[in-house]
Amino acid sequence: MHGEGPEASTFNARADREAGSDLPTGAAVPVANELRRGVASLARRLRGMRAPHGIAATKLSLLGRLARAHHPLTASELAALERLQPQSLTRIIAELEEQGLIRREPDQLDRRALLIEATERGRQLLIEDARRQNRWLATVMAQTLTAAEIRLLGIAAELLEQLADLEARELHPATEPRADAEPPQSA
């Protein structure tokens, strides 16, 4: 695992103790550490592959959440899913709407609430970023990894999605499509 020596393991264990961590013991801890570091490094590289649109990571994350939802979300749902304070979310939503990347419309069932969704322009921005990042990542994978390693990464990607979505599914079941929501249109 990236050649971490005993000094790094000692540092990690000491940092966990000093932080009062209740991390589980056993094989999962060193794997979790390597996984966290690897994901962070890869995320930095992928951010460098974005189109030069100047949209900040927090805004892209929120826009991506809306696009993947396939139905409008309320501000409360977005704040919970993105772990943002309502004040921050209000500012981000206003800026994304001003840029034409999202739209807000009154909820037909609760006129006090607004439903938020990605616009076609917002979806296209995400598609272009994904295309650039996928092109770079696929090229690097093909040049560096064996076919078996690429298949293994496919399995790992599914597992990472499970881990990333676990808390959102447990804590925020309200993000499931509403009964009155129109079904997603096929592309």
Protein backbone atom coordinates (compact mmCIF):
# COMPACT_ATOMS: atom_id res chain seq x y z
CA MET A 1 0.00 0.00 0.00
CA HIS A 2 2.01 2.91 -1.35
CA GLY A 3 5.04 1.79 0.63
CA GLU A 4 4.00 3.35 3.90
CA GLY A 5 6.61 2.52 6.45
CA PRO A 6 6.17 1.90 10.17
CA GLU A 7 6.67 5.63 10.82
CA ALA A 8 3.50 6.47 8.85
CA SER A 9 1.52 3.74 10.60
CA THR A 10 2.71 5.02 13.98
CA PHE A 11 1.81 8.58 12.97
CA ASN A 12 -1.69 7.50 11.85
CA ALA A 13 -2.31 5.52 15.04
CA ARG A 14 -1.05 8.41 17.19
CA ALA A 15 -3.19 10.93 15.27
CA ASP A 16 -6.24 8.71 15.79
CA ARG A 17 -5.59 8.43 19.54
CA GLU A 18 -4.97 12.16 19.92
CA ALA A 19 -8.19 12.94 18.07
CA GLY A 20 -10.05 10.61 20.44
CA SER A 21 -11.01 8.45 17.47
CA ASP A 22 -13.20 5.42 17.94
CA LEU A 23 -12.02 3.86 14.69
CA PRO A 24 -12.61 0.13 14.35
CA THR A 25 -9.54 -2.00 14.75
CA GLY A 26 -8.37 -4.63 12.33
CA ALA A 27 -7.72 -4.73 8.63
CA ALA A 28 -10.27 -2.05 7.72
CA VAL A 29 -8.31 0.85 9.25
CA PRO A 30 -5.17 0.73 7.07
CA VAL A 31 -7.29 0.05 3.99
CA ALA A 32 -9.55 2.98 4.88
CA ASN A 33 -6.51 5.22 5.25
CA GLU A 34 -5.08 4.20 1.87
CA LEU A 35 -8.47 4.48 0.22
CA ARG A 36 -9.08 7.97 1.63
CA ARG A 37 -5.67 9.16 0.46
CA GLY A 38 -6.04 7.56 -2.98
CA VAL A 39 -9.51 8.98 -3.54
CA ALA A 40 -8.35 12.46 -2.48
CA SER A 41 -5.34 12.32 -4.82
CA LEU A 42 -7.44 11.15 -7.74
CA ALA A 43 -10.08 13.81 -7.02
CA ARG A 44 -7.38 16.52 -7.19
CA ARG A 45 -6.18 15.21 -10.55
CA LEU A 46 -9.73 15.04 -11.92
CA ARG A 47 -10.47 18.61 -10.79
CA GLY A 48 -7.55 19.68 -12.95
CA MET A 49 -9.29 18.14 -15.98
CA ARG A 50 -12.40 20.34 -15.70
CA ALA A 51 -13.39 22.68 -18.48
CA PRO A 52 -12.35 26.30 -17.79
CA HIS A 53 -15.85 27.43 -16.77
CA GLY A 54 -14.87 28.83 -13.37
CA ILE A 55 -17.67 27.08 -11.45
CA ALA A 56 -16.53 26.24 -7.91
CA ALA A 57 -16.48 22.64 -6.65
CA THR A 58 -19.33 23.20 -4.16
CA LYS A 59 -21.55 24.54 -6.93
CA LEU A 60 -20.64 21.67 -9.24
CA SER A 61 -21.41 19.18 -6.49
CA LEU A 62 -24.84 20.71 -5.92
CA LEU A 63 -25.54 20.89 -9.65
CA GLY A 64 -24.48 17.26 -10.04
CA ARG A 65 -26.75 16.21 -7.17
CA LEU A 66 -29.70 17.91 -8.91
CA ALA A 67 -28.89 16.33 -12.27
CA ARG A 68 -28.53 12.82 -10.80
CA ALA A 69 -31.76 13.13 -8.81
CA HIS A 70 -33.84 13.05 -12.04
CA HIS A 71 -36.51 15.03 -10.20
CA PRO A 72 -36.65 18.44 -8.52
CA LEU A 73 -35.46 18.71 -4.91
CA THR A 74 -36.33 21.20 -2.20
CA ALA A 75 -33.70 23.44 -0.63
CA SER A 76 -33.99 21.44 2.60
CA GLU A 77 -33.27 18.19 0.79
CA LEU A 78 -30.29 19.73 -0.99
CA ALA A 79 -28.88 21.22 2.20
CA ALA A 80 -29.06 17.86 3.96
CA LEU A 81 -27.62 15.87 1.06
CA GLU A 82 -24.78 18.31 0.40
CA ARG A 83 -24.19 19.03 4.11
CA LEU A 84 -24.56 22.76 3.62
CA GLN A 85 -25.92 25.41 5.93
CA PRO A 86 -29.16 26.98 4.63
CA GLN A 87 -27.48 30.40 4.36
CA SER A 88 -24.69 29.01 2.18
CA LEU A 89 -27.17 27.05 0.09
CA THR A 90 -29.33 30.14 -0.51
CA ARG A 91 -26.34 32.03 -1.92
CA ILE A 92 -25.19 29.10 -4.08
CA ILE A 93 -28.69 28.51 -5.47
CA ALA A 94 -29.05 32.20 -6.34
CA GLU A 95 -25.70 32.22 -8.15
CA LEU A 96 -26.43 29.01 -10.06
CA GLU A 97 -29.84 30.34 -11.06
CA GLU A 98 -28.31 33.64 -12.18
CA GLN A 99 -25.90 31.65 -14.39
CA GLY A 100 -28.81 29.72 -15.90
CA LEU A 101 -27.61 26.38 -14.53
CA ILE A 102 -30.64 25.67 -12.32
CA ARG A 103 -34.26 26.80 -12.08
CA ARG A 104 -36.60 27.17 -9.14
CA GLU A 105 -40.34 26.73 -9.37
CA PRO A 106 -43.09 26.72 -6.73
CA ASP A 107 -44.10 23.31 -5.43
CA GLN A 108 -47.62 22.56 -6.64
CA LEU A 109 -48.43 20.74 -3.39
CA ASP A 110 -46.84 23.23 -0.98
CA ARG A 111 -46.79 26.77 -2.36
CA ARG A 112 -44.36 27.83 0.40
CA ALA A 113 -41.68 25.50 -0.93
CA LEU A 114 -39.59 25.84 -4.07
CA LEU A 115 -38.49 22.91 -6.18
CA ILE A 116 -35.02 23.16 -7.69
CA GLU A 117 -33.73 21.34 -10.75
CA ALA A 118 -30.80 21.50 -13.16
CA THR A 119 -31.41 23.21 -16.49
CA GLU A 120 -30.28 21.78 -19.81
CA ARG A 121 -27.38 24.23 -19.73
CA GLY A 122 -26.39 22.93 -16.27
CA ARG A 123 -26.58 19.33 -17.43
CA GLN A 124 -24.45 20.10 -20.48
CA LEU A 125 -21.77 21.74 -18.30
CA LEU A 126 -21.63 18.58 -16.16
CA ILE A 127 -21.52 16.35 -19.24
CA GLU A 128 -18.59 18.29 -20.70
CA ASP A 129 -16.66 18.09 -17.41
CA ALA A 130 -17.37 14.36 -17.13
CA ARG A 131 -16.33 13.80 -20.74
CA ARG A 132 -12.97 15.53 -20.20
CA GLN A 133 -12.32 13.73 -16.92
CA ASN A 134 -13.39 10.33 -18.29
CA ARG A 135 -11.17 10.76 -21.34
CA TRP A 136 -8.13 11.49 -19.18
CA LEU A 137 -8.87 8.72 -16.67
CA ALA A 138 -9.59 6.08 -19.33
CA THR A 139 -6.36 6.95 -21.13
CA VAL A 140 -4.27 6.72 -17.96
CA MET A 141 -5.96 3.46 -16.94
CA ALA A 142 -5.40 1.88 -20.37
CA GLN A 143 -1.74 2.93 -20.36
CA THR A 144 -1.03 1.88 -16.78
CA LEU A 145 -3.29 -1.01 -15.72
CA THR A 146 -3.97 -4.54 -16.87
CA ALA A 147 -7.43 -5.59 -18.04
CA ALA A 148 -7.93 -7.43 -14.74
CA GLU A 149 -6.97 -4.31 -12.75
CA ILE A 150 -9.42 -2.23 -14.76
CA ARG A 151 -12.20 -4.74 -14.03
CA LEU A 152 -11.21 -4.63 -10.34
CA LEU A 153 -11.49 -0.83 -10.38
CA GLY A 154 -15.00 -1.22 -11.82
CA ILE A 155 -15.96 -3.32 -8.81
CA ALA A 156 -14.26 -0.87 -6.46
CA ALA A 157 -16.16 2.03 -8.07
CA GLU A 158 -19.47 0.32 -7.32
CA LEU A 159 -18.41 -0.26 -3.71
CA LEU A 160 -17.31 3.38 -3.34
CA GLU A 161 -20.72 4.52 -4.59
CA GLN A 162 -22.38 2.29 -1.98
CA LEU A 163 -20.27 3.82 0.76
CA ALA A 164 -20.82 7.37 -0.47
CA ASP A 165 -24.59 6.96 -0.77
CA LEU A 166 -25.15 4.93 2.39
CA GLU A 167 -25.69 7.83 4.77
CA ALA A 168 -27.81 9.80 2.30
CA ARG A 169 -30.16 6.83 1.80
CA GLU A 170 -30.46 6.16 5.53
CA LEU A 171 -30.80 9.75 6.72
CA HIS A 172 -32.72 11.30 3.84
CA PRO A 173 -35.26 8.89 2.37
CA ALA A 174 -37.30 11.93 1.31
CA THR A 175 -34.99 12.32 -1.69
CA GLU A 176 -36.72 9.41 -3.40
CA PRO A 177 -38.89 10.58 -6.29
CA ARG A 178 -42.09 12.18 -5.10
CA ALA A 179 -45.31 10.42 -5.99
CA ASP A 180 -46.39 13.43 -8.08
CA ALA A 181 -43.01 13.78 -9.85
CA GLU A 182 -42.93 13.13 -13.57
CA PRO A 183 -40.84 10.12 -14.59
CA PRO A 184 -37.39 10.92 -15.99
CA GLN A 185 -37.25 11.42 -19.73
CA SER A 186 -35.00 9.00 -21.55
CA ALA A 187 -32.13 10.58 -23.44
